[in-house]
Every structure is written in structure tokens, then in C-alpha cells.
Amino acid sequence: MTTTGTTTNPQTTANPYGTTPYGTTPYRTLSIMSFALGLASIFFSWTFLAPIAGLVLGVLALGREPQGRTFAIWGIVLNAVMLAGILIGLLLAVIGFGVGLAFLPFHWGASLL
């Protein structure tokens, strides 16, 4: 006895409401952690490590968690803004240090002549 129609397994069919067939909510751990690290890095002025970790988690969440796409995008944006702010601040500090060194008097050079 053979059947020509296709059968679907209720456990593998996609649900348009974003929940699993058993009624539980989908996992959005990576995307929520990326968003939380982005907010925390801005509000608590965490530098360098937390924004990099949040950026990596956000990029991973885009590929793995389609239901958490909004959180992942906001996490990427917030962490990127914090990293850009850190890099601009470091660049200004290096420029300021160089300008400060340029205006130092060279007393030690005059004594050698």
C-alpha cells in the first residue's frame, strides 16, 4: 500500500506566530544578551571588551535566531556606537598628547650645545 500525497509532521512544521508547536516561546538568548551588553556598555561606560562581546553575540544571533532579529540588530547598533565612541576618544587622546608634546620647551637640548 503506497500513498501519493505528502504528509507533514506536526513537530517540524513552521508556526507563523513565532512559537514552537508545543506553545513555548522561542529561544532569543543571544540577541537579548547582545542588546543588554549594548545598553550596559553605554550606560555604565564599559569599554572595549563588553561592546566587542555584544557585537559578536549580535552577529551570531542574526544567523541563529530569526525571532530575535530586532534585538540582535539593536544590539549590533548599540555596541558599534560604543566601539566607535571609544575609537574616536582614543584618537583624540593620541592627537592631544602629540600636540602637547609638540609645544613642550626643549630645555635639555639647549644644555648640550
N, C-alpha and C. Protein backbone atom coordinates (compact mmCIF):
# COMPACT_ATOMS: atom_id res chain seq x y z
N MET A 1 0.84 -1.16 0.00
CA MET A 1 0.00 0.00 0.00
C MET A 1 0.90 1.25 0.00
N THR A 2 0.77 2.06 -1.00
CA THR A 2 1.56 3.28 -1.11
C THR A 2 0.63 4.48 -1.18
N THR A 3 1.14 5.61 -0.69
CA THR A 3 0.37 6.85 -0.77
C THR A 3 1.12 7.83 -1.66
N THR A 4 0.37 8.60 -2.39
CA THR A 4 1.00 9.56 -3.29
C THR A 4 1.02 10.97 -2.72
N GLY A 5 0.30 11.24 -1.69
CA GLY A 5 0.25 12.58 -1.09
C GLY A 5 1.42 12.78 -0.12
N THR A 6 1.65 14.01 0.20
CA THR A 6 2.73 14.31 1.15
C THR A 6 2.14 14.41 2.54
N THR A 7 2.87 13.93 3.47
CA THR A 7 2.44 14.03 4.86
C THR A 7 3.38 14.99 5.57
N THR A 8 2.83 15.69 6.51
CA THR A 8 3.65 16.63 7.29
C THR A 8 3.68 16.17 8.73
N ASN A 9 4.80 16.36 9.31
CA ASN A 9 4.97 16.05 10.71
C ASN A 9 4.63 17.31 11.52
N PRO A 10 3.70 17.24 12.46
CA PRO A 10 3.32 18.46 13.19
C PRO A 10 4.46 19.03 14.04
N GLN A 11 5.46 18.23 14.35
CA GLN A 11 6.57 18.72 15.14
C GLN A 11 7.57 19.53 14.31
N THR A 12 7.56 19.38 12.99
CA THR A 12 8.54 20.07 12.17
C THR A 12 7.95 21.19 11.33
N THR A 13 6.64 21.38 11.36
CA THR A 13 6.05 22.45 10.56
C THR A 13 6.29 23.79 11.24
N ALA A 14 6.42 24.82 10.43
CA ALA A 14 6.67 26.16 10.96
C ALA A 14 5.37 26.78 11.44
N ASN A 15 5.44 27.48 12.53
CA ASN A 15 4.28 28.17 13.09
C ASN A 15 4.40 29.65 12.77
N PRO A 16 3.41 30.27 12.16
CA PRO A 16 3.54 31.68 11.76
C PRO A 16 3.56 32.64 12.95
N TYR A 17 3.22 32.19 14.14
CA TYR A 17 3.19 33.08 15.30
C TYR A 17 4.50 33.14 16.06
N GLY A 18 5.51 32.45 15.61
CA GLY A 18 6.83 32.52 16.21
C GLY A 18 7.01 31.66 17.45
N THR A 19 6.08 30.76 17.72
CA THR A 19 6.24 29.86 18.86
C THR A 19 6.40 28.44 18.34
N THR A 20 6.90 27.59 19.20
CA THR A 20 7.04 26.19 18.82
C THR A 20 5.67 25.52 18.87
N PRO A 21 5.52 24.37 18.26
CA PRO A 21 4.21 23.70 18.26
C PRO A 21 3.69 23.37 19.65
N TYR A 22 4.56 23.34 20.64
CA TYR A 22 4.13 22.98 21.98
C TYR A 22 3.74 24.20 22.81
N GLY A 23 3.80 25.38 22.22
CA GLY A 23 3.34 26.58 22.91
C GLY A 23 4.41 27.31 23.69
N THR A 24 5.63 26.86 23.66
CA THR A 24 6.68 27.58 24.37
C THR A 24 7.24 28.67 23.48
N THR A 25 7.83 29.65 24.09
CA THR A 25 8.41 30.74 23.31
C THR A 25 9.75 30.33 22.75
N PRO A 26 10.17 30.92 21.64
CA PRO A 26 11.45 30.55 21.03
C PRO A 26 12.62 31.11 21.84
N TYR A 27 13.78 30.54 21.62
CA TYR A 27 14.97 31.00 22.31
C TYR A 27 15.50 32.26 21.63
N ARG A 28 15.76 33.28 22.42
CA ARG A 28 16.34 34.52 21.92
C ARG A 28 17.48 34.96 22.83
N THR A 29 18.20 34.03 23.37
CA THR A 29 19.22 34.33 24.36
C THR A 29 20.34 35.18 23.80
N LEU A 30 20.87 34.82 22.64
CA LEU A 30 22.00 35.57 22.07
C LEU A 30 21.61 36.99 21.73
N SER A 31 20.44 37.18 21.14
CA SER A 31 20.03 38.52 20.73
C SER A 31 19.74 39.40 21.94
N ILE A 32 19.12 38.85 22.96
CA ILE A 32 18.83 39.64 24.16
C ILE A 32 20.12 39.98 24.90
N MET A 33 21.07 39.06 24.94
CA MET A 33 22.35 39.34 25.58
C MET A 33 23.13 40.42 24.82
N SER A 34 23.05 40.41 23.51
CA SER A 34 23.71 41.43 22.71
C SER A 34 23.10 42.80 23.00
N PHE A 35 21.78 42.87 23.07
CA PHE A 35 21.09 44.11 23.37
C PHE A 35 21.43 44.60 24.78
N ALA A 36 21.43 43.67 25.74
CA ALA A 36 21.74 44.05 27.12
C ALA A 36 23.18 44.54 27.26
N LEU A 37 24.12 43.90 26.59
CA LEU A 37 25.50 44.36 26.65
C LEU A 37 25.66 45.72 25.97
N GLY A 38 24.90 45.97 24.91
CA GLY A 38 24.95 47.28 24.27
C GLY A 38 24.44 48.38 25.18
N LEU A 39 23.31 48.13 25.84
CA LEU A 39 22.79 49.12 26.78
C LEU A 39 23.73 49.32 27.97
N ALA A 40 24.21 48.23 28.52
CA ALA A 40 25.09 48.33 29.69
C ALA A 40 26.40 49.01 29.35
N SER A 41 26.93 48.76 28.17
CA SER A 41 28.21 49.39 27.81
C SER A 41 28.06 50.89 27.63
N ILE A 42 26.90 51.34 27.20
CA ILE A 42 26.68 52.78 27.06
C ILE A 42 26.38 53.43 28.41
N PHE A 43 25.48 52.84 29.19
CA PHE A 43 25.09 53.46 30.45
C PHE A 43 26.16 53.37 31.53
N PHE A 44 26.91 52.27 31.56
CA PHE A 44 27.94 52.11 32.59
C PHE A 44 29.33 52.42 32.09
N SER A 45 29.44 52.90 30.87
CA SER A 45 30.72 53.26 30.24
C SER A 45 31.70 52.11 30.21
N TRP A 46 31.20 50.92 29.94
CA TRP A 46 32.09 49.77 29.78
C TRP A 46 32.82 49.95 28.46
N THR A 47 34.09 49.73 28.49
CA THR A 47 34.88 49.96 27.29
C THR A 47 35.42 48.66 26.73
N PHE A 48 35.55 48.59 25.52
CA PHE A 48 36.24 47.63 24.68
C PHE A 48 35.74 46.19 24.76
N LEU A 49 35.86 45.50 25.88
CA LEU A 49 35.53 44.07 25.91
C LEU A 49 34.03 43.80 25.82
N ALA A 50 33.23 44.53 26.58
CA ALA A 50 31.78 44.30 26.55
C ALA A 50 31.18 44.64 25.19
N PRO A 51 31.53 45.77 24.55
CA PRO A 51 30.97 46.02 23.22
C PRO A 51 31.42 45.01 22.16
N ILE A 52 32.64 44.52 22.26
CA ILE A 52 33.09 43.50 21.29
C ILE A 52 32.30 42.21 21.49
N ALA A 53 32.11 41.81 22.75
CA ALA A 53 31.33 40.60 23.03
C ALA A 53 29.89 40.77 22.57
N GLY A 54 29.30 41.94 22.81
CA GLY A 54 27.94 42.19 22.36
C GLY A 54 27.81 42.21 20.85
N LEU A 55 28.82 42.74 20.18
CA LEU A 55 28.81 42.77 18.72
C LEU A 55 28.88 41.36 18.14
N VAL A 56 29.73 40.53 18.72
CA VAL A 56 29.85 39.14 18.26
C VAL A 56 28.55 38.38 18.52
N LEU A 57 27.97 38.56 19.71
CA LEU A 57 26.71 37.88 20.01
C LEU A 57 25.59 38.34 19.08
N GLY A 58 25.56 39.62 18.73
CA GLY A 58 24.54 40.12 17.82
C GLY A 58 24.66 39.54 16.44
N VAL A 59 25.88 39.43 15.95
CA VAL A 59 26.09 38.85 14.62
C VAL A 59 25.72 37.37 14.62
N LEU A 60 26.08 36.66 15.68
CA LEU A 60 25.70 35.24 15.78
C LEU A 60 24.18 35.08 15.87
N ALA A 61 23.53 35.99 16.59
CA ALA A 61 22.08 35.89 16.76
C ALA A 61 21.34 36.14 15.46
N LEU A 62 21.88 36.98 14.58
CA LEU A 62 21.22 37.22 13.30
C LEU A 62 21.09 35.93 12.49
N GLY A 63 22.09 35.09 12.56
CA GLY A 63 22.05 33.85 11.80
C GLY A 63 21.30 32.72 12.49
N ARG A 64 21.29 32.73 13.80
CA ARG A 64 20.73 31.59 14.53
C ARG A 64 19.32 31.81 15.07
N GLU A 65 18.94 33.06 15.34
CA GLU A 65 17.67 33.32 15.99
C GLU A 65 16.83 34.29 15.15
N PRO A 66 16.03 33.78 14.22
CA PRO A 66 15.24 34.69 13.38
C PRO A 66 14.17 35.45 14.17
N GLN A 67 13.67 34.91 15.27
CA GLN A 67 12.66 35.60 16.06
C GLN A 67 13.25 36.76 16.86
N GLY A 68 14.55 36.71 17.13
CA GLY A 68 15.20 37.76 17.90
C GLY A 68 15.95 38.76 17.03
N ARG A 69 15.53 38.90 15.78
CA ARG A 69 16.23 39.76 14.83
C ARG A 69 16.27 41.22 15.28
N THR A 70 15.19 41.73 15.84
CA THR A 70 15.15 43.13 16.26
C THR A 70 16.13 43.38 17.40
N PHE A 71 16.12 42.50 18.39
CA PHE A 71 17.08 42.64 19.49
C PHE A 71 18.51 42.55 18.99
N ALA A 72 18.76 41.65 18.06
CA ALA A 72 20.11 41.47 17.53
C ALA A 72 20.57 42.72 16.78
N ILE A 73 19.70 43.29 15.97
CA ILE A 73 20.08 44.50 15.22
C ILE A 73 20.34 45.66 16.17
N TRP A 74 19.48 45.85 17.16
CA TRP A 74 19.71 46.92 18.13
C TRP A 74 20.98 46.68 18.94
N GLY A 75 21.25 45.43 19.28
CA GLY A 75 22.49 45.12 19.99
C GLY A 75 23.72 45.45 19.15
N ILE A 76 23.67 45.12 17.86
CA ILE A 76 24.79 45.43 16.97
C ILE A 76 24.97 46.94 16.86
N VAL A 77 23.87 47.68 16.71
CA VAL A 77 23.96 49.14 16.58
C VAL A 77 24.53 49.77 17.84
N LEU A 78 24.00 49.38 19.01
CA LEU A 78 24.47 49.98 20.27
C LEU A 78 25.93 49.66 20.53
N ASN A 79 26.32 48.42 20.29
CA ASN A 79 27.72 48.05 20.52
C ASN A 79 28.65 48.72 19.52
N ALA A 80 28.20 48.88 18.28
CA ALA A 80 29.02 49.56 17.28
C ALA A 80 29.18 51.04 17.62
N VAL A 81 28.12 51.67 18.11
CA VAL A 81 28.20 53.08 18.52
C VAL A 81 29.20 53.23 19.68
N MET A 82 29.14 52.31 20.63
CA MET A 82 30.08 52.40 21.76
C MET A 82 31.52 52.17 21.30
N LEU A 83 31.74 51.22 20.42
CA LEU A 83 33.10 50.99 19.90
C LEU A 83 33.60 52.18 19.10
N ALA A 84 32.72 52.78 18.30
CA ALA A 84 33.12 53.97 17.53
C ALA A 84 33.46 55.12 18.47
N GLY A 85 32.68 55.28 19.53
CA GLY A 85 32.97 56.33 20.51
C GLY A 85 34.30 56.11 21.20
N ILE A 86 34.60 54.86 21.51
CA ILE A 86 35.89 54.54 22.14
C ILE A 86 37.03 54.86 21.19
N LEU A 87 36.90 54.46 19.93
CA LEU A 87 37.96 54.71 18.96
C LEU A 87 38.16 56.20 18.69
N ILE A 88 37.08 56.96 18.61
CA ILE A 88 37.20 58.40 18.42
C ILE A 88 37.85 59.05 19.63
N GLY A 89 37.47 58.60 20.83
CA GLY A 89 38.08 59.13 22.05
C GLY A 89 39.57 58.82 22.12
N LEU A 90 39.96 57.61 21.77
CA LEU A 90 41.38 57.26 21.76
C LEU A 90 42.15 58.07 20.72
N LEU A 91 41.55 58.27 19.56
CA LEU A 91 42.20 59.07 18.52
C LEU A 91 42.40 60.51 18.98
N LEU A 92 41.39 61.09 19.61
CA LEU A 92 41.53 62.45 20.13
C LEU A 92 42.58 62.53 21.25
N ALA A 93 42.66 61.51 22.08
CA ALA A 93 43.65 61.50 23.14
C ALA A 93 45.07 61.42 22.57
N VAL A 94 45.27 60.60 21.56
CA VAL A 94 46.60 60.48 20.94
C VAL A 94 46.98 61.79 20.24
N ILE A 95 46.02 62.40 19.55
CA ILE A 95 46.29 63.69 18.90
C ILE A 95 46.61 64.76 19.94
N GLY A 96 45.84 64.79 21.01
CA GLY A 96 46.09 65.77 22.08
C GLY A 96 47.44 65.56 22.74
N PHE A 97 47.82 64.32 22.94
CA PHE A 97 49.12 64.03 23.53
C PHE A 97 50.24 64.48 22.59
N GLY A 98 50.06 64.23 21.29
CA GLY A 98 51.07 64.66 20.32
C GLY A 98 51.19 66.17 20.24
N VAL A 99 50.07 66.87 20.27
CA VAL A 99 50.11 68.34 20.25
C VAL A 99 50.75 68.86 21.53
N GLY A 100 50.43 68.23 22.65
CA GLY A 100 51.06 68.65 23.91
C GLY A 100 52.56 68.46 23.90
N LEU A 101 53.02 67.36 23.34
CA LEU A 101 54.46 67.13 23.25
C LEU A 101 55.13 68.11 22.28
N ALA A 102 54.42 68.52 21.25
CA ALA A 102 54.99 69.45 20.28
C ALA A 102 55.25 70.83 20.89
N PHE A 103 54.48 71.21 21.89
CA PHE A 103 54.63 72.53 22.49
C PHE A 103 55.48 72.52 23.75
N LEU A 104 56.08 71.42 24.09
CA LEU A 104 56.98 71.38 25.24
C LEU A 104 58.27 72.14 24.92
N PRO A 105 58.77 72.86 25.88
CA PRO A 105 60.07 73.51 25.63
C PRO A 105 61.19 72.48 25.69
N PHE A 106 62.20 72.65 24.87
CA PHE A 106 63.30 71.71 24.81
C PHE A 106 64.49 72.25 25.61
N HIS A 107 64.41 72.25 26.92
CA HIS A 107 65.48 72.75 27.76
C HIS A 107 66.68 71.79 27.75
N TRP A 108 66.40 70.52 27.63
CA TRP A 108 67.51 69.56 27.67
C TRP A 108 68.37 69.65 26.42
N GLY A 109 67.82 70.10 25.28
CA GLY A 109 68.59 70.20 24.06
C GLY A 109 69.52 71.40 24.07
N ALA A 110 69.16 72.48 24.76
CA ALA A 110 69.98 73.69 24.79
C ALA A 110 71.22 73.49 25.65
N SER A 111 71.14 72.62 26.63
CA SER A 111 72.29 72.43 27.51
C SER A 111 73.38 71.59 26.84
N LEU A 112 73.04 70.88 25.80
CA LEU A 112 74.02 70.04 25.13
C LEU A 112 74.93 70.84 24.20
N LEU A 113 74.50 72.01 23.79
CA LEU A 113 75.30 72.82 22.88
C LEU A 113 76.34 73.53 23.62
